[in-house]
Amino acid sequence: MTRSAPGSNVGRHVFGVATLATGLITLLWHNDAHHLIYIVFAAAAAQIFGGAVIQFRSTAKLGAGVVGAAYLVFVLLCVPGIVAQPKVYNSWGNFFEQFSLLTGAAMVYARLSLEALKRVGRICFGICAASFAIEQGVYLAPTASLVPKWIPPSQMFWAIATTVLFALAAVALLTNRMALLATRLLTTMLVIFGLLVWVPLVLSNLHSHANWSECAETFAIAGVAWILADLLGERRLSD
């Protein structure tokens, strides 16, 4: 008989806090003109509730289910944009960003239930990492503009380098070759993104909804990568 050794819960906590923050940001900067405003409100409330209760092991499964339902709504809300403009990758990028967060909720749920979903989580997040690489490649100049100018050697260097790293992480996850190392490095890169890019942007303009939203989303995706790293790193023990 085999079982998994317990792993770190830091990824789940980061994911939960960032999800809760995303829900609060959505409520504070909501657009009353949005024709689906009540659905958005309900999903944001679910993010707040789920992000809070996912912090506790006894209610983590409940929180993951609630958060997963919220992210499923946001995934579906991206579909009309893709249908309307299938050649514009921004709509696809938004879809896979939300899908990566849905994957994170599924992995927290799976950790407490089905072992097989760990493999599904690796593949799904690998697909999302591939999308992140494509999105950065398509919008390379805007990506470079986000890199702080004081980091050598240049903004474009880091835009290209991180795009390549996303692509390599996607290959590692989808082929299950050095997937644990790739996921840990991806987690580190995403956390650095949040700390060096989005936190300074938030502090420079505290009234910008876009900066707050992107900052919270970056840390939420970092939490997903961390969750996956924890799952892949669990030791199999013989009873």
Protein backbone atom coordinates (compact mmCIF):
# COMPACT_ATOMS: atom_id res chain seq x y z
CA MET A 1 0.00 0.00 0.00
CA THR A 2 1.29 3.50 -0.82
CA ARG A 3 0.48 6.95 0.35
CA SER A 4 1.79 10.44 -0.27
CA ALA A 5 3.91 12.22 2.28
CA PRO A 6 2.33 15.55 3.27
CA GLY A 7 3.75 18.48 1.33
CA SER A 8 3.93 22.22 1.93
CA ASN A 9 0.72 24.22 2.13
CA VAL A 10 2.34 27.55 1.23
CA GLY A 11 1.13 27.40 -2.37
CA ARG A 12 -2.45 26.87 -1.23
CA HIS A 13 -2.21 29.82 1.15
CA VAL A 14 -0.71 32.12 -1.51
CA PHE A 15 -3.36 31.04 -4.00
CA GLY A 16 -6.15 31.58 -1.46
CA VAL A 17 -4.99 35.03 -0.35
CA ALA A 18 -4.49 36.18 -3.94
CA THR A 19 -7.93 34.84 -4.91
CA LEU A 20 -9.55 36.60 -1.97
CA ALA A 21 -7.77 39.83 -2.97
CA THR A 22 -8.96 39.41 -6.56
CA GLY A 23 -12.57 39.14 -5.36
CA LEU A 24 -12.21 42.31 -3.26
CA ILE A 25 -10.61 44.18 -6.17
CA THR A 26 -13.46 43.13 -8.46
CA LEU A 27 -16.06 44.43 -6.00
CA LEU A 28 -14.21 47.70 -5.36
CA TRP A 29 -13.64 48.49 -9.04
CA HIS A 30 -16.76 46.95 -10.57
CA ASN A 31 -18.33 48.28 -13.75
CA ASP A 32 -22.06 48.80 -13.24
CA ALA A 33 -22.54 48.94 -17.01
CA HIS A 34 -21.42 45.33 -17.44
CA HIS A 35 -24.44 43.35 -18.67
CA LEU A 36 -23.38 40.36 -16.55
CA ILE A 37 -22.73 42.42 -13.42
CA TYR A 38 -24.70 40.12 -11.10
CA ILE A 39 -22.80 37.06 -12.29
CA VAL A 40 -19.50 38.92 -11.80
CA PHE A 41 -20.61 39.98 -8.29
CA ALA A 42 -21.54 36.40 -7.38
CA ALA A 43 -18.21 35.08 -8.70
CA ALA A 44 -16.30 37.77 -6.78
CA ALA A 45 -18.17 36.88 -3.58
CA ALA A 46 -17.28 33.23 -4.20
CA GLN A 47 -13.61 34.20 -4.60
CA ILE A 48 -13.66 36.04 -1.28
CA PHE A 49 -15.41 33.24 0.60
CA GLY A 50 -13.48 30.44 -1.09
CA GLY A 51 -10.15 32.22 -0.76
CA ALA A 52 -10.77 32.54 2.98
CA VAL A 53 -11.92 29.01 3.80
CA ILE A 54 -9.30 27.37 1.55
CA GLN A 55 -6.72 28.52 4.10
CA PHE A 56 -7.81 25.85 6.58
CA ARG A 57 -7.19 22.16 5.93
CA SER A 58 -10.56 21.14 7.32
CA THR A 59 -12.39 23.40 4.82
CA ALA A 60 -9.82 23.46 1.99
CA LYS A 61 -11.88 21.12 -0.18
CA LEU A 62 -14.97 23.30 0.21
CA GLY A 63 -12.96 26.43 -0.54
CA ALA A 64 -11.42 24.83 -3.61
CA GLY A 65 -14.85 23.88 -4.92
CA VAL A 66 -16.24 27.38 -4.41
CA VAL A 67 -13.17 29.06 -5.94
CA GLY A 68 -13.22 26.59 -8.81
CA ALA A 69 -16.83 27.48 -9.57
CA ALA A 70 -15.91 31.18 -9.62
CA TYR A 71 -12.99 30.67 -11.96
CA LEU A 72 -15.14 28.46 -14.19
CA VAL A 73 -17.47 31.45 -14.59
CA PHE A 74 -14.56 33.70 -15.57
CA VAL A 75 -13.28 31.05 -18.00
CA LEU A 76 -16.68 30.92 -19.69
CA LEU A 77 -16.90 34.73 -19.81
CA CYS A 78 -13.72 34.71 -21.94
CA VAL A 79 -15.29 32.49 -24.61
CA PRO A 80 -17.45 35.16 -26.35
CA GLY A 81 -14.34 37.30 -26.88
CA ILE A 82 -12.56 34.37 -28.52
CA VAL A 83 -15.55 33.64 -30.76
CA ALA A 84 -15.87 37.31 -31.75
CA GLN A 85 -12.16 37.80 -32.52
CA PRO A 86 -10.46 34.40 -32.79
CA LYS A 87 -7.34 35.90 -34.42
CA VAL A 88 -6.67 38.26 -31.50
CA TYR A 89 -4.55 36.31 -29.03
CA ASN A 90 -5.37 38.56 -26.08
CA SER A 91 -8.76 36.83 -25.75
CA TRP A 92 -7.07 33.41 -25.79
CA GLY A 93 -4.50 34.64 -23.27
CA ASN A 94 -7.23 35.81 -20.89
CA PHE A 95 -8.93 32.43 -21.24
CA PHE A 96 -5.82 30.47 -20.30
CA GLU A 97 -4.97 32.81 -17.42
CA GLN A 98 -8.36 32.06 -15.87
CA PHE A 99 -8.06 28.39 -16.82
CA SER A 100 -4.73 28.18 -14.97
CA LEU A 101 -6.48 29.45 -11.84
CA LEU A 102 -9.29 26.95 -12.33
CA THR A 103 -6.57 24.28 -12.55
CA GLY A 104 -5.17 25.47 -9.22
CA ALA A 105 -8.53 25.07 -7.52
CA ALA A 106 -8.90 21.59 -9.05
CA MET A 107 -5.47 20.57 -7.74
CA VAL A 108 -6.29 21.66 -4.20
CA TYR A 109 -9.51 19.65 -4.45
CA ALA A 110 -7.62 16.69 -5.92
CA ARG A 111 -5.01 16.74 -3.19
CA LEU A 112 -7.69 15.74 -0.76
CA SER A 113 -9.37 13.23 -3.06
CA LEU A 114 -8.32 11.75 -6.43
CA GLU A 115 -4.62 11.07 -7.06
CA ALA A 116 -5.20 10.91 -10.83
CA LEU A 117 -6.11 14.59 -10.98
CA LYS A 118 -2.50 15.47 -10.13
CA ARG A 119 -1.52 14.32 -13.61
CA VAL A 120 -4.39 16.29 -15.12
CA GLY A 121 -3.22 19.35 -13.17
CA ARG A 122 0.31 19.00 -14.58
CA ILE A 123 -0.95 18.75 -18.16
CA CYS A 124 -3.50 21.56 -17.82
CA PHE A 125 -0.99 23.92 -16.23
CA GLY A 126 1.54 22.94 -18.89
CA ILE A 127 -0.93 24.04 -21.57
CA CYS A 128 -1.43 27.32 -19.70
CA ALA A 129 2.34 27.86 -19.47
CA ALA A 130 2.50 27.38 -23.26
CA SER A 131 -0.20 30.02 -23.62
CA PHE A 132 1.76 32.42 -21.38
CA ALA A 133 4.78 31.96 -23.67
CA ILE A 134 2.70 32.58 -26.79
CA GLU A 135 1.01 35.63 -25.28
CA GLN A 136 4.31 37.19 -24.27
CA GLY A 137 5.73 36.42 -27.71
CA VAL A 138 2.78 38.07 -29.47
CA TYR A 139 2.91 41.11 -27.19
CA LEU A 140 6.68 41.22 -26.70
CA ALA A 141 7.08 45.01 -26.75
CA PRO A 142 4.35 45.65 -24.12
CA THR A 143 5.86 42.86 -22.01
CA ALA A 144 9.31 44.46 -22.24
CA SER A 145 7.88 47.82 -21.17
CA LEU A 146 6.80 46.28 -17.85
CA VAL A 147 10.36 45.22 -16.94
CA PRO A 148 11.99 47.76 -14.58
CA LYS A 149 14.60 49.73 -16.52
CA TRP A 150 17.17 49.39 -13.73
CA ILE A 151 17.48 45.62 -14.22
CA PRO A 152 20.42 44.82 -16.56
CA PRO A 153 21.05 44.10 -19.36
CA SER A 154 17.82 45.39 -20.96
CA GLN A 155 14.04 45.24 -20.83
CA MET A 156 13.79 43.31 -24.11
CA PHE A 157 16.35 40.75 -22.93
CA TRP A 158 14.17 39.81 -19.97
CA ALA A 159 10.98 39.84 -22.04
CA ILE A 160 12.53 37.30 -24.43
CA ALA A 161 14.18 35.31 -21.63
CA THR A 162 10.98 34.89 -19.62
CA THR A 163 9.05 33.97 -22.78
CA VAL A 164 11.59 31.21 -23.46
CA LEU A 165 11.40 30.08 -19.83
CA PHE A 166 7.60 29.82 -20.01
CA ALA A 167 7.98 27.71 -23.15
CA LEU A 168 10.58 25.43 -21.54
CA ALA A 169 8.37 25.00 -18.48
CA ALA A 170 5.46 24.05 -20.74
CA VAL A 171 7.58 21.42 -22.50
CA ALA A 172 8.80 20.01 -19.18
CA LEU A 173 5.27 19.76 -17.78
CA LEU A 174 3.67 18.32 -20.89
CA THR A 175 6.41 15.72 -21.38
CA ASN A 176 6.84 15.09 -17.63
CA ARG A 177 10.61 15.60 -17.95
CA MET A 178 12.12 17.52 -15.00
CA ALA A 179 8.58 18.72 -14.29
CA LEU A 180 9.24 19.31 -10.58
CA LEU A 181 12.31 21.47 -11.23
CA ALA A 182 10.48 23.37 -13.97
CA THR A 183 7.50 24.03 -11.71
CA ARG A 184 9.67 25.27 -8.86
CA LEU A 185 11.56 27.60 -11.19
CA LEU A 186 8.27 28.78 -12.71
CA THR A 187 6.94 29.52 -9.22
CA THR A 188 10.05 31.54 -8.43
CA MET A 189 9.80 33.49 -11.69
CA LEU A 190 6.13 34.34 -11.12
CA VAL A 191 6.79 35.51 -7.57
CA ILE A 192 9.63 37.69 -8.88
CA PHE A 193 7.24 39.08 -11.51
CA GLY A 194 4.85 40.04 -8.75
CA LEU A 195 7.48 41.60 -6.50
CA LEU A 196 9.54 43.46 -9.10
CA VAL A 197 6.88 44.40 -11.66
CA TRP A 198 3.39 44.56 -10.20
CA VAL A 199 3.96 45.60 -6.58
CA PRO A 200 5.92 48.72 -7.66
CA LEU A 201 3.23 49.53 -10.25
CA VAL A 202 0.52 49.20 -7.59
CA LEU A 203 2.45 51.47 -5.23
CA SER A 204 3.01 54.02 -8.01
CA ASN A 205 -0.73 54.29 -8.69
CA LEU A 206 -2.92 53.03 -5.88
CA HIS A 207 -6.09 53.93 -7.79
CA SER A 208 -5.37 51.75 -10.82
CA HIS A 209 -7.72 48.78 -11.00
CA ALA A 210 -5.60 47.18 -13.74
CA ASN A 211 -2.44 47.20 -11.62
CA TRP A 212 -4.18 45.76 -8.56
CA SER A 213 -5.93 43.12 -10.66
CA GLU A 214 -2.76 42.04 -12.51
CA CYS A 215 -0.79 41.95 -9.25
CA ALA A 216 -3.34 39.71 -7.53
CA GLU A 217 -3.65 37.48 -10.60
CA THR A 218 0.13 37.08 -10.86
CA PHE A 219 0.40 35.93 -7.26
CA ALA A 220 -2.62 33.65 -7.71
CA ILE A 221 -0.98 31.96 -10.70
CA ALA A 222 2.26 31.73 -8.69
CA GLY A 223 0.21 29.99 -6.00
CA VAL A 224 -1.08 27.52 -8.60
CA ALA A 225 2.48 26.76 -9.72
CA TRP A 226 3.47 26.32 -6.07
CA ILE A 227 0.58 23.93 -5.46
CA LEU A 228 1.64 21.87 -8.46
CA ALA A 229 5.26 21.85 -7.27
CA ASP A 230 4.10 20.58 -3.88
CA LEU A 231 2.05 17.83 -5.51
CA LEU A 232 4.85 16.73 -7.82
CA GLY A 233 7.33 16.80 -4.94
CA GLU A 234 5.36 14.57 -2.61
CA ARG A 235 7.28 11.40 -1.77
CA ARG A 236 5.62 8.04 -2.28
CA LEU A 237 5.98 5.97 0.87
CA SER A 238 5.45 2.24 1.31
CA ASP A 239 3.35 1.15 4.21
